[in-house]
C-alpha atoms as a PDB file:
ATOM      1  CA  MET A   1      18.472  19.402 -14.454  1.00  0.00           C
ATOM      2  CA  THR A   2      18.096  15.667 -14.037  1.00  0.00           C
ATOM      3  CA  THR A   3      15.254  13.784 -12.393  1.00  0.00           C
ATOM      4  CA  TYR A   4      16.278  11.377  -9.650  1.00  0.00           C
ATOM      5  CA  ARG A   5      14.090   8.726  -8.091  1.00  0.00           C
ATOM      6  CA  ALA A   6      14.376   7.715  -4.442  1.00  0.00           C
ATOM      7  CA  ARG A   7      12.737   4.650  -2.932  1.00  0.00           C
ATOM      8  CA  LEU A   8      12.426   5.077   0.824  1.00  0.00           C
ATOM      9  CA  MET A   9      11.394   2.125   2.968  1.00  0.00           C
ATOM     10  CA  ASP A  10      10.429   2.365   6.625  1.00  0.00           C
ATOM     11  CA  ALA A  11      11.874  -0.711   8.268  1.00  0.00           C
ATOM     12  CA  ALA A  12       9.696  -0.364  11.390  1.00  0.00           C
ATOM     13  CA  THR A  13       6.265  -0.287   9.709  1.00  0.00           C
ATOM     14  CA  GLY A  14       6.987  -1.704   6.277  1.00  0.00           C
ATOM     15  CA  GLY A  15       5.882   1.574   4.698  1.00  0.00           C
ATOM     16  CA  GLU A  16       7.405   2.479   1.348  1.00  0.00           C
ATOM     17  CA  GLY A  17       7.385   5.502  -0.929  1.00  0.00           C
ATOM     18  CA  VAL A  18       8.851   6.439  -4.282  1.00  0.00           C
ATOM     19  CA  TYR A  19       9.811  10.092  -4.654  1.00  0.00           C
ATOM     20  CA  GLU A  20      11.257  12.137  -7.478  1.00  0.00           C
ATOM     21  CA  PHE A  21      13.414  15.212  -7.181  1.00  0.00           C
ATOM     22  CA  GLU A  22      15.363  17.422  -9.560  1.00  0.00           C
ATOM     23  CA  ASP A  23      19.042  18.177  -9.241  1.00  0.00           C
ATOM     24  CA  ASP A  24      22.126  18.763 -11.313  1.00  0.00           C
ATOM     25  CA  GLU A  25      23.274  15.982 -13.668  1.00  0.00           C
ATOM     26  CA  SER A  26      26.533  15.716 -11.730  1.00  0.00           C
ATOM     27  CA  LEU A  27      24.822  14.873  -8.421  1.00  0.00           C
ATOM     28  CA  ILE A  28      25.170  11.126  -9.041  1.00  0.00           C
ATOM     29  CA  LYS A  29      28.965  11.561  -9.225  1.00  0.00           C
ATOM     30  CA  GLN A  30      29.068  12.956  -5.667  1.00  0.00           C
ATOM     31  CA  THR A  31      29.701  10.816  -2.600  1.00  0.00           C
ATOM     32  CA  PRO A  32      26.792   8.654  -1.387  1.00  0.00           C
ATOM     33  CA  VAL A  33      26.470  10.789   1.758  1.00  0.00           C
ATOM     34  CA  ARG A  34      26.093  13.993  -0.298  1.00  0.00           C
ATOM     35  CA  ILE A  35      23.524  12.413  -2.598  1.00  0.00           C
ATOM     36  CA  ILE A  36      21.414  11.254   0.342  1.00  0.00           C
ATOM     37  CA  ARG A  37      21.807  14.691   1.966  1.00  0.00           C
ATOM     38  CA  ARG A  38      20.346  16.347  -1.156  1.00  0.00           C
ATOM     39  CA  PHE A  39      17.334  14.025  -1.054  1.00  0.00           C
ATOM     40  CA  MET A  40      16.832  14.651   2.662  1.00  0.00           C
ATOM     41  CA  GLU A  41      16.877  18.401   1.974  1.00  0.00           C
ATOM     42  CA  HIS A  42      14.025  17.732  -0.459  1.00  0.00           C
ATOM     43  CA  VAL A  43      12.177  15.772   2.247  1.00  0.00           C
ATOM     44  CA  GLY A  44      12.578  18.559   4.796  1.00  0.00           C
ATOM     45  CA  ASN A  45      11.781  21.408   2.411  1.00  0.00           C
ATOM     46  CA  ASP A  46       9.113  19.929   0.133  1.00  0.00           C
ATOM     47  CA  LEU A  47       7.696  16.572   1.245  1.00  0.00           C
ATOM     48  CA  ILE A  48       7.096  16.762   4.987  1.00  0.00           C
ATOM     49  CA  PRO A  49       8.444  20.112   6.229  1.00  0.00           C
ATOM     50  CA  HIS A  50       6.030  20.137   9.194  1.00  0.00           C
ATOM     51  CA  ALA A  51       7.097  16.678  10.439  1.00  0.00           C
ATOM     52  CA  PHE A  52      10.761  16.376   9.416  1.00  0.00           C
ATOM     53  CA  ARG A  53      13.333  17.363  12.017  1.00  0.00           C
ATOM     54  CA  ASP A  54      16.535  15.621  10.878  1.00  0.00           C
ATOM     55  CA  TYR A  55      18.008  12.267   9.899  1.00  0.00           C
ATOM     56  CA  GLU A  56      20.834  10.044  11.032  1.00  0.00           C
ATOM     57  CA  LEU A  57      22.774   8.141   8.392  1.00  0.00           C
ATOM     58  CA  ASN A  58      24.471   4.967   9.590  1.00  0.00           C
ATOM     59  CA  ALA A  59      25.772   3.641   6.268  1.00  0.00           C
ATOM     60  CA  ALA A  60      25.883   4.767   2.640  1.00  0.00           C
ATOM     61  CA  PHE A  61      27.117   2.860  -0.405  1.00  0.00           C
ATOM     62  CA  LYS A  62      27.321   3.558  -4.119  1.00  0.00           C
ATOM     63  CA  ASN A  63      27.363   1.010  -6.909  1.00  0.00           C
ATOM     64  CA  GLU A  64      29.606   2.859  -9.372  1.00  0.00           C
ATOM     65  CA  HIS A  65      28.676   0.602 -12.271  1.00  0.00           C
ATOM     66  CA  ALA A  66      24.916   1.142 -11.939  1.00  0.00           C
ATOM     67  CA  ASP A  67      25.030   4.641 -10.339  1.00  0.00           C
ATOM     68  CA  ILE A  68      22.753   3.564  -7.491  1.00  0.00           C
ATOM     69  CA  VAL A  69      23.139   4.852  -3.936  1.00  0.00           C
ATOM     70  CA  THR A  70      21.895   2.862  -0.938  1.00  0.00           C
ATOM     71  CA  GLY A  71      21.650   4.200   2.597  1.00  0.00           C
ATOM     72  CA  LEU A  72      20.598   2.986   6.046  1.00  0.00           C
ATOM     73  CA  GLY A  73      19.597   5.275   8.867  1.00  0.00           C
ATOM     74  CA  SER A  74      16.797   6.853  10.876  1.00  0.00           C
ATOM     75  CA  LEU A  75      14.366   9.688  10.144  1.00  0.00           C
ATOM     76  CA  ILE A  76      14.000  11.969  13.129  1.00  0.00           C
ATOM     77  CA  LEU A  77      10.524  13.445  13.143  1.00  0.00           C
ATOM     78  CA  ALA A  78       9.086  16.338  15.118  1.00  0.00           C
ATOM     79  CA  HIS A  79       6.887  13.933  17.097  1.00  0.00           C
ATOM     80  CA  GLY A  80       7.281  10.262  17.903  1.00  0.00           C
ATOM     81  CA  PRO A  81      10.215   7.892  17.771  1.00  0.00           C
ATOM     82  CA  ALA A  82      12.855   7.902  15.038  1.00  0.00           C
ATOM     83  CA  LEU A  83      11.960   5.679  12.076  1.00  0.00           C
ATOM     84  CA  PRO A  84      14.643   3.317  10.727  1.00  0.00           C
ATOM     85  CA  PHE A  85      14.882   3.504   6.934  1.00  0.00           C
ATOM     86  CA  VAL A  86      16.526   2.066   3.859  1.00  0.00           C
ATOM     87  CA  ILE A  87      16.876   4.335   0.829  1.00  0.00           C
ATOM     88  CA  MET A  88      17.937   3.770  -2.772  1.00  0.00           C
ATOM     89  CA  ILE A  89      18.542   6.676  -5.158  1.00  0.00           C
ATOM     90  CA  ALA A  90      19.261   6.617  -8.897  1.00  0.00           C
ATOM     91  CA  ARG A  91      18.589   8.658 -12.006  1.00  0.00           C
ATOM     92  CA  LYS A  92      15.048   8.190 -13.248  1.00  0.00           C
ATOM     93  CA  ARG A  93      15.157   5.986 -16.328  1.00  0.00           C
ATOM     94  CA  ALA A  94      13.602   7.396 -19.473  1.00  0.00           C
ATOM     95  CA  ASP A  95      11.316   4.355 -19.764  1.00  0.00           C
ATOM     96  CA  ALA A  96      10.169   4.565 -16.122  1.00  0.00           C
ATOM     97  CA  GLY A  97       6.622   5.790 -15.486  1.00  0.00           C
END
């Protein structure tokens, strides 16, 4: 298993979080949409299962050279309006804390 790090920024409030999740080493070779889907499964199952309803992804890109995925979309929560977000996902570097 490989540790991945996701930085999720809420464009509406300026909120930001850094989250780690485990997945197969080959995840980063998948399409950007699949990589973001795996992180969102982690959000719904482990981070905020009581509040998470779904997400809408408007754009997803992958920098093949750096193996970094970037996405733009909205978190759909159980209560309240959808929250626009920006997400970046990459393997956790060995020297990262």
